Amino acid sequence: MRVNWDPTMNSVAKAEQLGERKSTSQLALQDAAQQFEALFLYQLLTEMRQTIPDSDLLGNRRAEKLFQSLLDQELAENSSKTQSVGLAKIIYEQMSRHVPKDD
């Protein structure tokens, strides 16, 4: 089974790509704030998973850890889009004063 996976299309790469833009609009700022919230939630989920002790009951768990990492990334992105924790809103409100309005 072949999986098309592009490692450059993760949340960090998207945030860096937005950071490289010369002109920033309100929409781009809102998208960047949402992606930052997703990145924050991903880091939070990753750190929370590390608190759970590993078990050798099922043997080598490399595939499971890879799946959990990808699952955490998707959960973080979906949570920031649908059930925002409010971090993106706060960032947007703080930074929108410094960005020109969209036309």
PDB file of N, CA and C in Angstrom:
ATOM      1  N   MET A   1       0.834  -1.173   0.000  1.00  0.00           N
ATOM      2  CA  MET A   1       0.000   0.000   0.000  1.00  0.00           C
ATOM      3  C   MET A   1       0.883   1.241   0.000  1.00  0.00           C
ATOM      4  N   ARG A   2       0.590   2.133  -0.889  1.00  0.00           N
ATOM      5  CA  ARG A   2       1.380   3.354  -1.026  1.00  0.00           C
ATOM      6  C   ARG A   2       0.582   4.527  -0.466  1.00  0.00           C
ATOM      7  N   VAL A   3       1.249   5.346   0.343  1.00  0.00           N
ATOM      8  CA  VAL A   3       0.607   6.503   0.942  1.00  0.00           C
ATOM      9  C   VAL A   3       1.304   7.752   0.435  1.00  0.00           C
ATOM     10  N   ASN A   4       0.534   8.680  -0.092  1.00  0.00           N
ATOM     11  CA  ASN A   4       1.091   9.957  -0.530  1.00  0.00           C
ATOM     12  C   ASN A   4       1.146  10.889   0.665  1.00  0.00           C
ATOM     13  N   TRP A   5       2.332  11.089   1.162  1.00  0.00           N
ATOM     14  CA  TRP A   5       2.526  11.932   2.333  1.00  0.00           C
ATOM     15  C   TRP A   5       3.610  12.934   2.036  1.00  0.00           C
ATOM     16  N   ASP A   6       3.300  14.191   2.165  1.00  0.00           N
ATOM     17  CA  ASP A   6       4.257  15.256   1.935  1.00  0.00           C
ATOM     18  C   ASP A   6       4.612  15.875   3.278  1.00  0.00           C
ATOM     19  N   PRO A   7       5.826  15.661   3.780  1.00  0.00           N
ATOM     20  CA  PRO A   7       6.174  16.172   5.098  1.00  0.00           C
ATOM     21  C   PRO A   7       6.214  17.685   5.164  1.00  0.00           C
ATOM     22  N   THR A   8       6.241  18.359   4.018  1.00  0.00           N
ATOM     23  CA  THR A   8       6.272  19.817   4.043  1.00  0.00           C
ATOM     24  C   THR A   8       4.894  20.429   4.237  1.00  0.00           C
ATOM     25  N   MET A   9       3.848  19.609   4.245  1.00  0.00           N
ATOM     26  CA  MET A   9       2.494  20.151   4.371  1.00  0.00           C
ATOM     27  C   MET A   9       1.958  20.023   5.799  1.00  0.00           C
ATOM     28  N   ASN A  10       2.813  20.078   6.791  1.00  0.00           N
ATOM     29  CA  ASN A  10       2.334  20.035   8.171  1.00  0.00           C
ATOM     30  C   ASN A  10       2.064  21.450   8.675  1.00  0.00           C
ATOM     31  N   SER A  11       1.581  21.579   9.865  1.00  0.00           N
ATOM     32  CA  SER A  11       1.177  22.876  10.416  1.00  0.00           C
ATOM     33  C   SER A  11       2.348  23.844  10.528  1.00  0.00           C
ATOM     34  N   VAL A  12       3.514  23.341  10.885  1.00  0.00           N
ATOM     35  CA  VAL A  12       4.677  24.207  11.037  1.00  0.00           C
ATOM     36  C   VAL A  12       5.059  24.823   9.698  1.00  0.00           C
ATOM     37  N   ALA A  13       5.070  24.008   8.643  1.00  0.00           N
ATOM     38  CA  ALA A  13       5.424  24.513   7.322  1.00  0.00           C
ATOM     39  C   ALA A  13       4.413  25.547   6.834  1.00  0.00           C
ATOM     40  N   LYS A  14       3.132  25.315   7.102  1.00  0.00           N
ATOM     41  CA  LYS A  14       2.108  26.275   6.705  1.00  0.00           C
ATOM     42  C   LYS A  14       2.289  27.600   7.445  1.00  0.00           C
ATOM     43  N   ALA A  15       2.596  27.526   8.733  1.00  0.00           N
ATOM     44  CA  ALA A  15       2.797  28.743   9.513  1.00  0.00           C
ATOM     45  C   ALA A  15       4.030  29.508   9.031  1.00  0.00           C
ATOM     46  N   GLU A  16       5.100  28.789   8.711  1.00  0.00           N
ATOM     47  CA  GLU A  16       6.297  29.441   8.193  1.00  0.00           C
ATOM     48  C   GLU A  16       6.027  30.086   6.842  1.00  0.00           C
ATOM     49  N   GLN A  17       5.244  29.420   6.013  1.00  0.00           N
ATOM     50  CA  GLN A  17       4.897  29.962   4.707  1.00  0.00           C
ATOM     51  C   GLN A  17       4.101  31.257   4.857  1.00  0.00           C
ATOM     52  N   LEU A  18       3.171  31.298   5.800  1.00  0.00           N
ATOM     53  CA  LEU A  18       2.419  32.527   6.048  1.00  0.00           C
ATOM     54  C   LEU A  18       3.318  33.625   6.601  1.00  0.00           C
ATOM     55  N   GLY A  19       4.296  33.250   7.411  1.00  0.00           N
ATOM     56  CA  GLY A  19       5.202  34.231   7.984  1.00  0.00           C
ATOM     57  C   GLY A  19       6.116  34.877   6.965  1.00  0.00           C
ATOM     58  N   GLU A  20       6.344  34.218   5.840  1.00  0.00           N
ATOM     59  CA  GLU A  20       7.230  34.744   4.809  1.00  0.00           C
ATOM     60  C   GLU A  20       6.541  35.727   3.878  1.00  0.00           C
ATOM     61  N   ARG A  21       5.248  35.831   3.927  1.00  0.00           N
ATOM     62  CA  ARG A  21       4.521  36.757   3.053  1.00  0.00           C
ATOM     63  C   ARG A  21       4.855  38.199   3.419  1.00  0.00           C
ATOM     64  N   LYS A  22       5.015  39.019   2.398  1.00  0.00           N
ATOM     65  CA  LYS A  22       5.340  40.424   2.629  1.00  0.00           C
ATOM     66  C   LYS A  22       4.104  41.212   3.057  1.00  0.00           C
ATOM     67  N   SER A  23       2.996  41.046   2.344  1.00  0.00           N
ATOM     68  CA  SER A  23       1.786  41.789   2.688  1.00  0.00           C
ATOM     69  C   SER A  23       0.855  40.864   3.463  1.00  0.00           C
ATOM     70  N   THR A  24       0.366  41.352   4.569  1.00  0.00           N
ATOM     71  CA  THR A  24      -0.508  40.559   5.415  1.00  0.00           C
ATOM     72  C   THR A  24      -1.896  41.184   5.396  1.00  0.00           C
ATOM     73  N   SER A  25      -2.886  40.361   5.254  1.00  0.00           N
ATOM     74  CA  SER A  25      -4.263  40.840   5.280  1.00  0.00           C
ATOM     75  C   SER A  25      -4.952  40.288   6.515  1.00  0.00           C
ATOM     76  N   GLN A  26      -6.147  40.769   6.753  1.00  0.00           N
ATOM     77  CA  GLN A  26      -6.924  40.296   7.896  1.00  0.00           C
ATOM     78  C   GLN A  26      -7.213  38.795   7.777  1.00  0.00           C
ATOM     79  N   LEU A  27      -7.520  38.342   6.562  1.00  0.00           N
ATOM     80  CA  LEU A  27      -7.793  36.915   6.356  1.00  0.00           C
ATOM     81  C   LEU A  27      -6.554  36.065   6.611  1.00  0.00           C
ATOM     82  N   ALA A  28      -5.414  36.541   6.137  1.00  0.00           N
ATOM     83  CA  ALA A  28      -4.169  35.799   6.362  1.00  0.00           C
ATOM     84  C   ALA A  28      -3.827  35.773   7.845  1.00  0.00           C
ATOM     85  N   LEU A  29      -4.096  36.862   8.535  1.00  0.00           N
ATOM     86  CA  LEU A  29      -3.847  36.922   9.971  1.00  0.00           C
ATOM     87  C   LEU A  29      -4.752  35.951  10.716  1.00  0.00           C
ATOM     88  N   GLN A  30      -6.015  35.895  10.320  1.00  0.00           N
ATOM     89  CA  GLN A  30      -6.957  34.974  10.953  1.00  0.00           C
ATOM     90  C   GLN A  30      -6.529  33.528  10.712  1.00  0.00           C
ATOM     91  N   ASP A  31      -6.079  33.235   9.496  1.00  0.00           N
ATOM     92  CA  ASP A  31      -5.609  31.885   9.180  1.00  0.00           C
ATOM     93  C   ASP A  31      -4.355  31.543   9.977  1.00  0.00           C
ATOM     94  N   ALA A  32      -3.437  32.503  10.093  1.00  0.00           N
ATOM     95  CA  ALA A  32      -2.208  32.262  10.855  1.00  0.00           C
ATOM     96  C   ALA A  32      -2.511  32.043  12.332  1.00  0.00           C
ATOM     97  N   ALA A  33      -3.464  32.806  12.876  1.00  0.00           N
ATOM     98  CA  ALA A  33      -3.836  32.639  14.280  1.00  0.00           C
ATOM     99  C   ALA A  33      -4.455  31.265  14.509  1.00  0.00           C
ATOM    100  N   GLN A  34      -5.270  30.828  13.570  1.00  0.00           N
ATOM    101  CA  GLN A  34      -5.897  29.506  13.683  1.00  0.00           C
ATOM    102  C   GLN A  34      -4.843  28.404  13.590  1.00  0.00           C
ATOM    103  N   GLN A  35      -3.884  28.567  12.697  1.00  0.00           N
ATOM    104  CA  GLN A  35      -2.822  27.571  12.572  1.00  0.00           C
ATOM    105  C   GLN A  35      -1.923  27.556  13.803  1.00  0.00           C
ATOM    106  N   PHE A  36      -1.696  28.728  14.394  1.00  0.00           N
ATOM    107  CA  PHE A  36      -0.905  28.766  15.624  1.00  0.00           C
ATOM    108  C   PHE A  36      -1.626  28.021  16.741  1.00  0.00           C
ATOM    109  N   GLU A  37      -2.942  28.211  16.818  1.00  0.00           N
ATOM    110  CA  GLU A  37      -3.721  27.487  17.826  1.00  0.00           C
ATOM    111  C   GLU A  37      -3.643  25.987  17.585  1.00  0.00           C
ATOM    112  N   ALA A  38      -3.699  25.564  16.312  1.00  0.00           N
ATOM    113  CA  ALA A  38      -3.592  24.141  15.986  1.00  0.00           C
ATOM    114  C   ALA A  38      -2.217  23.606  16.388  1.00  0.00           C
ATOM    115  N   LEU A  39      -1.180  24.378  16.139  1.00  0.00           N
ATOM    116  CA  LEU A  39       0.170  23.966  16.524  1.00  0.00           C
ATOM    117  C   LEU A  39       0.298  23.864  18.042  1.00  0.00           C
ATOM    118  N   PHE A  40      -0.294  24.813  18.755  1.00  0.00           N
ATOM    119  CA  PHE A  40      -0.281  24.785  20.212  1.00  0.00           C
ATOM    120  C   PHE A  40      -1.010  23.543  20.739  1.00  0.00           C
ATOM    121  N   LEU A  41      -2.182  23.259  20.172  1.00  0.00           N
ATOM    122  CA  LEU A  41      -2.937  22.081  20.599  1.00  0.00           C
ATOM    123  C   LEU A  41      -2.189  20.791  20.284  1.00  0.00           C
ATOM    124  N   TYR A  42      -1.495  20.753  19.144  1.00  0.00           N
ATOM    125  CA  TYR A  42      -0.702  19.564  18.792  1.00  0.00           C
ATOM    126  C   TYR A  42       0.405  19.343  19.817  1.00  0.00           C
ATOM    127  N   GLN A  43       1.096  20.412  20.186  1.00  0.00           N
ATOM    128  CA  GLN A  43       2.152  20.297  21.190  1.00  0.00           C
ATOM    129  C   GLN A  43       1.575  19.859  22.537  1.00  0.00           C
ATOM    130  N   LEU A  44       0.415  20.373  22.863  1.00  0.00           N
ATOM    131  CA  LEU A  44      -0.249  19.996  24.111  1.00  0.00           C
ATOM    132  C   LEU A  44      -0.597  18.510  24.114  1.00  0.00           C
ATOM    133  N   LEU A  45      -1.182  18.027  23.024  1.00  0.00           N
ATOM    134  CA  LEU A  45      -1.523  16.602  22.928  1.00  0.00           C
ATOM    135  C   LEU A  45      -0.271  15.724  22.973  1.00  0.00           C
ATOM    136  N   THR A  46       0.791  16.161  22.313  1.00  0.00           N
ATOM    137  CA  THR A  46       2.039  15.398  22.303  1.00  0.00           C
ATOM    138  C   THR A  46       2.618  15.281  23.710  1.00  0.00           C
ATOM    139  N   GLU A  47       2.644  16.392  24.422  1.00  0.00           N
ATOM    140  CA  GLU A  47       3.171  16.364  25.788  1.00  0.00           C
ATOM    141  C   GLU A  47       2.283  15.537  26.717  1.00  0.00           C
ATOM    142  N   MET A  48       0.986  15.591  26.513  1.00  0.00           N
ATOM    143  CA  MET A  48       0.086  14.791  27.344  1.00  0.00           C
ATOM    144  C   MET A  48       0.289  13.300  27.096  1.00  0.00           C
ATOM    145  N   ARG A  49       0.516  12.912  25.852  1.00  0.00           N
ATOM    146  CA  ARG A  49       0.743  11.493  25.538  1.00  0.00           C
ATOM    147  C   ARG A  49       2.035  10.979  26.168  1.00  0.00           C
ATOM    148  N   GLN A  50       3.016  11.853  26.328  1.00  0.00           N
ATOM    149  CA  GLN A  50       4.288  11.432  26.913  1.00  0.00           C
ATOM    150  C   GLN A  50       4.163  11.131  28.402  1.00  0.00           C
ATOM    151  N   THR A  51       3.108  11.582  29.031  1.00  0.00           N
ATOM    152  CA  THR A  51       2.923  11.297  30.465  1.00  0.00           C
ATOM    153  C   THR A  51       2.386   9.894  30.705  1.00  0.00           C
ATOM    154  N   ILE A  52       1.876   9.250  29.650  1.00  0.00           N
ATOM    155  CA  ILE A  52       1.351   7.889  29.781  1.00  0.00           C
ATOM    156  C   ILE A  52       2.519   6.908  29.692  1.00  0.00           C
ATOM    157  N   PRO A  53       2.681   6.032  30.673  1.00  0.00           N
ATOM    158  CA  PRO A  53       3.807   5.091  30.629  1.00  0.00           C
ATOM    159  C   PRO A  53       3.672   4.097  29.467  1.00  0.00           C
ATOM    160  N   ASP A  54       4.810   3.777  28.852  1.00  0.00           N
ATOM    161  CA  ASP A  54       4.834   2.801  27.758  1.00  0.00           C
ATOM    162  C   ASP A  54       4.710   1.390  28.301  1.00  0.00           C
ATOM    163  N   SER A  55       4.095   0.539  27.508  1.00  0.00           N
ATOM    164  CA  SER A  55       3.940  -0.862  27.877  1.00  0.00           C
ATOM    165  C   SER A  55       4.481  -1.727  26.740  1.00  0.00           C
ATOM    166  N   ASP A  56       5.179  -2.788  27.080  1.00  0.00           N
ATOM    167  CA  ASP A  56       5.703  -3.715  26.084  1.00  0.00           C
ATOM    168  C   ASP A  56       4.764  -4.886  25.847  1.00  0.00           C
ATOM    169  N   LEU A  57       3.548  -4.768  26.263  1.00  0.00           N
ATOM    170  CA  LEU A  57       2.589  -5.846  26.141  1.00  0.00           C
ATOM    171  C   LEU A  57       2.354  -6.246  24.685  1.00  0.00           C
ATOM    172  N   LEU A  58       2.285  -5.264  23.802  1.00  0.00           N
ATOM    173  CA  LEU A  58       2.015  -5.541  22.392  1.00  0.00           C
ATOM    174  C   LEU A  58       3.273  -5.531  21.531  1.00  0.00           C
ATOM    175  N   GLY A  59       4.421  -5.459  22.127  1.00  0.00           N
ATOM    176  CA  GLY A  59       5.674  -5.494  21.375  1.00  0.00           C
ATOM    177  C   GLY A  59       6.071  -4.111  20.878  1.00  0.00           C
ATOM    178  N   ASN A  60       6.753  -4.083  19.739  1.00  0.00           N
ATOM    179  CA  ASN A  60       7.236  -2.845  19.151  1.00  0.00           C
ATOM    180  C   ASN A  60       6.045  -1.985  18.709  1.00  0.00           C
ATOM    181  N   ARG A  61       6.043  -0.727  19.108  1.00  0.00           N
ATOM    182  CA  ARG A  61       4.888   0.125  18.856  1.00  0.00           C
ATOM    183  C   ARG A  61       5.239   1.302  17.966  1.00  0.00           C
ATOM    184  N   ARG A  62       6.201   1.168  17.060  1.00  0.00           N
ATOM    185  CA  ARG A  62       6.580   2.295  16.206  1.00  0.00           C
ATOM    186  C   ARG A  62       5.430   2.749  15.321  1.00  0.00           C
ATOM    187  N   ALA A  63       4.712   1.808  14.735  1.00  0.00           N
ATOM    188  CA  ALA A  63       3.591   2.153  13.863  1.00  0.00           C
ATOM    189  C   ALA A  63       2.485   2.841  14.655  1.00  0.00           C
ATOM    190  N   GLU A  64       2.245   2.358  15.855  1.00  0.00           N
ATOM    191  CA  GLU A  64       1.215   2.975  16.688  1.00  0.00           C
ATOM    192  C   GLU A  64       1.593   4.401  17.064  1.00  0.00           C
ATOM    193  N   LYS A  65       2.863   4.623  17.374  1.00  0.00           N
ATOM    194  CA  LYS A  65       3.312   5.967  17.728  1.00  0.00           C
ATOM    195  C   LYS A  65       3.218   6.915  16.530  1.00  0.00           C
ATOM    196  N   LEU A  66       3.526   6.417  15.348  1.00  0.00           N
ATOM    197  CA  LEU A  66       3.380   7.234  14.140  1.00  0.00           C
ATOM    198  C   LEU A  66       1.920   7.579  13.919  1.00  0.00           C
ATOM    199  N   PHE A  67       1.037   6.584  14.070  1.00  0.00           N
ATOM    200  CA  PHE A  67      -0.391   6.828  13.912  1.00  0.00           C
ATOM    201  C   PHE A  67      -0.884   7.834  14.942  1.00  0.00           C
ATOM    202  N   GLN A  68      -0.446   7.716  16.190  1.00  0.00           N
ATOM    203  CA  GLN A  68      -0.869   8.649  17.231  1.00  0.00           C
ATOM    204  C   GLN A  68      -0.400  10.065  16.928  1.00  0.00           C
ATOM    205  N   SER A  69       0.798  10.189  16.385  1.00  0.00           N
ATOM    206  CA  SER A  69       1.308  11.504  16.026  1.00  0.00           C
ATOM    207  C   SER A  69       0.458  12.142  14.931  1.00  0.00           C
ATOM    208  N   LEU A  70       0.129  11.355  13.898  1.00  0.00           N
ATOM    209  CA  LEU A  70      -0.711  11.866  12.822  1.00  0.00           C
ATOM    210  C   LEU A  70      -2.123  12.157  13.313  1.00  0.00           C
ATOM    211  N   LEU A  71      -2.633  11.303  14.202  1.00  0.00           N
ATOM    212  CA  LEU A  71      -3.955  11.520  14.776  1.00  0.00           C
ATOM    213  C   LEU A  71      -3.973  12.799  15.613  1.00  0.00           C
ATOM    214  N   ASP A  72      -2.941  13.021  16.400  1.00  0.00           N
ATOM    215  CA  ASP A  72      -2.862  14.233  17.212  1.00  0.00           C
ATOM    216  C   ASP A  72      -2.853  15.481  16.333  1.00  0.00           C
ATOM    217  N   GLN A  73      -2.129  15.400  15.215  1.00  0.00           N
ATOM    218  CA  GLN A  73      -2.077  16.544  14.310  1.00  0.00           C
ATOM    219  C   GLN A  73      -3.455  16.834  13.712  1.00  0.00           C
ATOM    220  N   GLU A  74      -4.156  15.815  13.297  1.00  0.00           N
ATOM    221  CA  GLU A  74      -5.500  16.004  12.738  1.00  0.00           C
ATOM    222  C   GLU A  74      -6.482  16.492  13.800  1.00  0.00           C
ATOM    223  N   LEU A  75      -6.395  15.938  15.000  1.00  0.00           N
ATOM    224  CA  LEU A  75      -7.263  16.392  16.088  1.00  0.00           C
ATOM    225  C   LEU A  75      -7.025  17.864  16.400  1.00  0.00           C
ATOM    226  N   ALA A  76      -5.775  18.258  16.407  1.00  0.00           N
ATOM    227  CA  ALA A  76      -5.448  19.655  16.704  1.00  0.00           C
ATOM    228  C   ALA A  76      -5.988  20.581  15.615  1.00  0.00           C
ATOM    229  N   GLU A  77      -5.807  20.214  14.356  1.00  0.00           N
ATOM    230  CA  GLU A  77      -6.295  21.054  13.263  1.00  0.00           C
ATOM    231  C   GLU A  77      -7.815  21.140  13.271  1.00  0.00           C
ATOM    232  N   ASN A  78      -8.488  20.005  13.450  1.00  0.00           N
ATOM    233  CA  ASN A  78      -9.948  20.019  13.467  1.00  0.00           C
ATOM    234  C   ASN A  78     -10.491  20.756  14.689  1.00  0.00           C
ATOM    235  N   SER A  79      -9.833  20.610  15.819  1.00  0.00           N
ATOM    236  CA  SER A  79     -10.286  21.307  17.022  1.00  0.00           C
ATOM    237  C   SER A  79     -10.143  22.811  16.878  1.00  0.00           C
ATOM    238  N   SER A  80      -9.068  23.257  16.247  1.00  0.00           N
ATOM    239  CA  SER A  80      -8.884  24.703  16.087  1.00  0.00           C
ATOM    240  C   SER A  80      -9.880  25.281  15.089  1.00  0.00           C
ATOM    241  N   LYS A  81     -10.359  24.465  14.152  1.00  0.00           N
ATOM    242  CA  LYS A  81     -11.327  24.953  13.166  1.00  0.00           C
ATOM    243  C   LYS A  81     -12.749  24.927  13.700  1.00  0.00           C
ATOM    244  N   THR A  82     -13.105  23.898  14.452  1.00  0.00           N
ATOM    245  CA  THR A  82     -14.499  23.731  14.853  1.00  0.00           C
ATOM    246  C   THR A  82     -14.768  24.120  16.301  1.00  0.00           C
ATOM    247  N   GLN A  83     -13.925  23.694  17.207  1.00  0.00           N
ATOM    248  CA  GLN A  83     -14.140  23.936  18.635  1.00  0.00           C
ATOM    249  C   GLN A  83     -12.969  24.729  19.197  1.00  0.00           C
ATOM    250  N   SER A  84     -12.802  25.914  18.708  1.00  0.00           N
ATOM    251  CA  SER A  84     -11.658  26.723  19.107  1.00  0.00           C
ATOM    252  C   SER A  84     -11.613  26.905  20.622  1.00  0.00           C
ATOM    253  N   VAL A  85     -10.406  26.851  21.182  1.00  0.00           N
ATOM    254  CA  VAL A  85     -10.243  27.070  22.617  1.00  0.00           C
ATOM    255  C   VAL A  85     -10.135  28.555  22.934  1.00  0.00           C
ATOM    256  N   GLY A  86     -10.122  29.395  21.909  1.00  0.00           N
ATOM    257  CA  GLY A  86     -10.105  30.834  22.103  1.00  0.00           C
ATOM    258  C   GLY A  86      -8.764  31.486  21.895  1.00  0.00           C
ATOM    259  N   LEU A  87      -7.719  30.712  21.746  1.00  0.00           N
ATOM    260  CA  LEU A  87      -6.392  31.272  21.568  1.00  0.00           C
ATOM    261  C   LEU A  87      -6.283  32.025  20.242  1.00  0.00           C
ATOM    262  N   ALA A  88      -6.843  31.463  19.173  1.00  0.00           N
ATOM    263  CA  ALA A  88      -6.786  32.113  17.862  1.00  0.00           C
ATOM    264  C   ALA A  88      -7.525  33.445  17.889  1.00  0.00           C
ATOM    265  N   LYS A  89      -8.646  33.493  18.571  1.00  0.00           N
ATOM    266  CA  LYS A  89      -9.427  34.730  18.660  1.00  0.00           C
ATOM    267  C   LYS A  89      -8.640  35.816  19.384  1.00  0.00           C
ATOM    268  N   ILE A  90      -7.987  35.453  20.466  1.00  0.00           N
ATOM    269  CA  ILE A  90      -7.201  36.423  21.230  1.00  0.00           C
ATOM    270  C   ILE A  90      -6.027  36.939  20.410  1.00  0.00           C
ATOM    271  N   ILE A  91      -5.336  36.037  19.728  1.00  0.00           N
ATOM    272  CA  ILE A  91      -4.199  36.442  18.892  1.00  0.00           C
ATOM    273  C   ILE A  91      -4.676  37.365  17.773  1.00  0.00           C
ATOM    274  N   TYR A  92      -5.776  36.997  17.143  1.00  0.00           N
ATOM    275  CA  TYR A  92      -6.304  37.815  16.051  1.00  0.00           C
ATOM    276  C   TYR A  92      -6.694  39.209  16.544  1.00  0.00           C
ATOM    277  N   GLU A  93      -7.381  39.274  17.679  1.00  0.00           N
ATOM    278  CA  GLU A  93      -7.784  40.575  18.206  1.00  0.00           C
ATOM    279  C   GLU A  93      -6.585  41.452  18.552  1.00  0.00           C
ATOM    280  N   GLN A  94      -5.532  40.846  19.079  1.00  0.00           N
ATOM    281  CA  GLN A  94      -4.341  41.620  19.444  1.00  0.00           C
ATOM    282  C   GLN A  94      -3.578  42.104  18.208  1.00  0.00           C
ATOM    283  N   MET A  95      -3.464  41.233  17.208  1.00  0.00           N
ATOM    284  CA  MET A  95      -2.636  41.558  16.043  1.00  0.00           C
ATOM    285  C   MET A  95      -3.385  42.326  14.952  1.00  0.00           C
ATOM    286  N   SER A  96      -4.713  42.268  14.937  1.00  0.00           N
ATOM    287  CA  SER A  96      -5.469  42.897  13.854  1.00  0.00           C
ATOM    288  C   SER A  96      -5.349  44.420  13.873  1.00  0.00           C
ATOM    289  N   ARG A  97      -4.982  44.992  14.994  1.00  0.00           N
ATOM    290  CA  ARG A  97      -4.791  46.447  15.065  1.00  0.00           C
ATOM    291  C   ARG A  97      -3.616  46.907  14.220  1.00  0.00           C
ATOM    292  N   HIS A  98      -2.680  45.999  13.949  1.00  0.00           N
ATOM    293  CA  HIS A  98      -1.453  46.355  13.240  1.00  0.00           C
ATOM    294  C   HIS A  98      -1.485  45.962  11.765  1.00  0.00           C
ATOM    295  N   VAL A  99      -2.615  45.436  11.313  1.00  0.00           N
ATOM    296  CA  VAL A  99      -2.733  44.955   9.938  1.00  0.00           C
ATOM    297  C   VAL A  99      -3.787  45.787   9.222  1.00  0.00           C
ATOM    298  N   PRO A 100      -3.508  46.238   7.996  1.00  0.00           N
ATOM    299  CA  PRO A 100      -4.518  47.023   7.263  1.00  0.00           C
ATOM    300  C   PRO A 100      -5.758  46.188   6.950  1.00  0.00           C
ATOM    301  N   LYS A 101      -6.892  46.876   6.848  1.00  0.00           N
ATOM    302  CA  LYS A 101      -8.154  46.202   6.552  1.00  0.00           C
ATOM    303  C   LYS A 101      -8.155  45.650   5.128  1.00  0.00           C
ATOM    304  N   ASP A 102      -8.900  44.534   4.932  1.00  0.00           N
ATOM    305  CA  ASP A 102      -9.047  43.962   3.596  1.00  0.00           C
ATOM    306  C   ASP A 102      -9.968  44.840   2.760  1.00  0.00           C
ATOM    307  N   ASP A 103      -9.687  44.877   1.469  1.00  0.00           N
ATOM    308  CA  ASP A 103     -10.556  45.629   0.550  1.00  0.00           C
ATOM    309  C   ASP A 103     -11.507  44.748  -0.168  1.00  0.00           C
TER     310      ASP A 103
END
